[in-house]
Protein backbone atom coordinates (compact mmCIF):
# COMPACT_ATOMS: atom_id res chain seq x y z
CA ALA A 1 173.28 -13.89 136.61
CA VAL A 2 172.30 -12.69 140.08
CA ALA A 3 173.39 -9.11 139.36
CA TYR A 4 171.35 -9.16 136.14
CA ASP A 5 168.26 -10.38 138.01
CA LEU A 6 168.72 -7.72 140.68
CA ARG A 7 169.04 -5.03 138.01
CA ASN A 8 165.80 -6.24 136.39
CA LEU A 9 164.06 -6.23 139.78
CA ALA A 10 165.34 -2.72 140.45
CA GLN A 11 164.13 -1.49 137.05
CA THR A 12 160.71 -2.97 137.76
CA HIS A 13 160.54 -1.19 141.11
CA LEU A 14 161.56 2.05 139.43
CA ARG A 15 158.92 1.69 136.72
CA MET A 16 156.31 0.90 139.37
CA GLY A 17 157.20 4.09 141.22
CA ASP A 18 158.99 2.60 144.23
CA ALA A 19 162.32 4.43 144.10
CA ARG A 20 163.35 3.27 147.57
CA LYS A 21 163.08 -0.44 146.72
CA ALA A 22 164.70 0.26 143.33
CA LYS A 23 167.67 1.94 145.01
CA PHE A 24 168.23 -0.98 147.38
CA ALA A 25 168.05 -3.51 144.51
CA PHE A 26 170.44 -1.40 142.40
CA ASP A 27 172.78 -1.18 145.44
CA ASP A 28 172.89 -4.98 145.63
CA ALA A 29 173.40 -5.35 141.86
CA ILE A 30 176.25 -2.82 141.89
CA LYS A 31 177.97 -4.59 144.79
CA LEU A 32 178.05 -7.76 142.69
CA GLU A 33 178.80 -6.15 139.33
CA PRO A 34 179.12 -2.36 138.87
CA ARG A 35 177.62 -2.02 135.39
CA PRO A 36 176.67 1.27 133.68
CA PHE A 37 172.96 0.44 133.46
CA SER A 38 172.81 -0.32 137.19
CA LEU A 39 174.59 2.90 138.08
CA TYR A 40 172.33 4.87 135.75
CA GLY A 41 169.21 3.26 137.18
CA ARG A 42 170.33 3.97 140.72
CA ALA A 43 170.93 7.59 139.67
CA LEU A 44 167.31 7.79 138.52
CA ALA A 45 166.20 6.30 141.84
CA HIS A 46 168.30 8.88 143.70
CA GLN A 47 166.64 11.63 141.64
CA ARG A 48 163.20 10.39 142.58
CA LEU A 49 164.30 10.31 146.22
CA ASN A 50 165.45 13.95 145.90
CA ASP A 51 169.13 13.15 146.40
CA ALA A 52 170.62 15.20 143.57
CA ASP A 53 174.24 14.81 144.70
CA ALA A 54 174.07 11.01 144.78
CA ALA A 55 172.23 11.01 141.44
CA GLU A 56 174.94 13.11 139.80
CA ARG A 57 177.69 10.84 141.18
CA ASP A 58 176.00 7.76 139.73
CA PHE A 59 175.27 9.43 136.38
CA ALA A 60 178.93 10.45 136.18
CA ALA A 61 180.13 6.94 137.11
CA ALA A 62 177.82 5.37 134.51
CA ARG A 63 179.03 7.79 131.82
CA LYS A 64 182.64 7.10 132.70
CA LEU A 65 182.09 3.36 132.13
CA GLN A 66 179.92 3.92 129.05
CA PRO A 67 180.04 7.41 127.48
CA ARG A 68 176.94 6.68 125.34
CA ILE A 69 174.82 5.49 128.29
CA ASP A 70 172.17 8.23 127.92
CA ALA A 71 171.37 7.19 124.34
CA MET A 72 171.66 3.50 125.18
CA VAL A 73 169.13 3.79 127.99
CA ARG A 74 166.66 5.40 125.62
CA GLN A 75 167.33 2.73 122.96
CA GLN A 76 166.66 0.00 125.53
CA GLY A 77 163.21 1.47 126.01
CA PHE A 78 163.70 2.63 129.57
CA ASP A 79 161.23 5.50 129.74
CA LEU A 80 162.94 8.38 131.46
CA GLY A 81 159.73 10.35 131.48
CA ALA A 82 159.77 14.09 131.97
CA GLY A 83 160.75 16.53 134.65
CA THR A 84 162.68 15.00 137.52
CA ASP A 85 163.40 11.81 135.58
CA GLN A 86 165.48 13.62 132.99
CA PRO A 87 169.15 13.10 133.73
CA PRO A 88 171.32 16.17 133.67
CA ALA A 89 173.38 16.67 130.57
CA PRO A 90 176.99 15.55 130.89
CA GLY A 91 179.09 18.32 132.39
CA SER A 92 176.11 20.30 133.69
């Protein structure tokens, strides 16, 4: 339950534009329970913090755990926005 709450907090920070706080909350959630949505969210936070290498590692880890994560994130209503918020295509 704590990891879920931390993931929700992190997603809120990300949606509010505070990528640094989002990253730290995702870090804590992942330490407790490394779930695909947490890894994916942290990847988006890394992107917003201009850390492309860390973002790609987390996108890859999320996709390894859940190959359909890109579509699932969109279905969950997590607005990826445009530009820097677009995750790279798998294998790119």
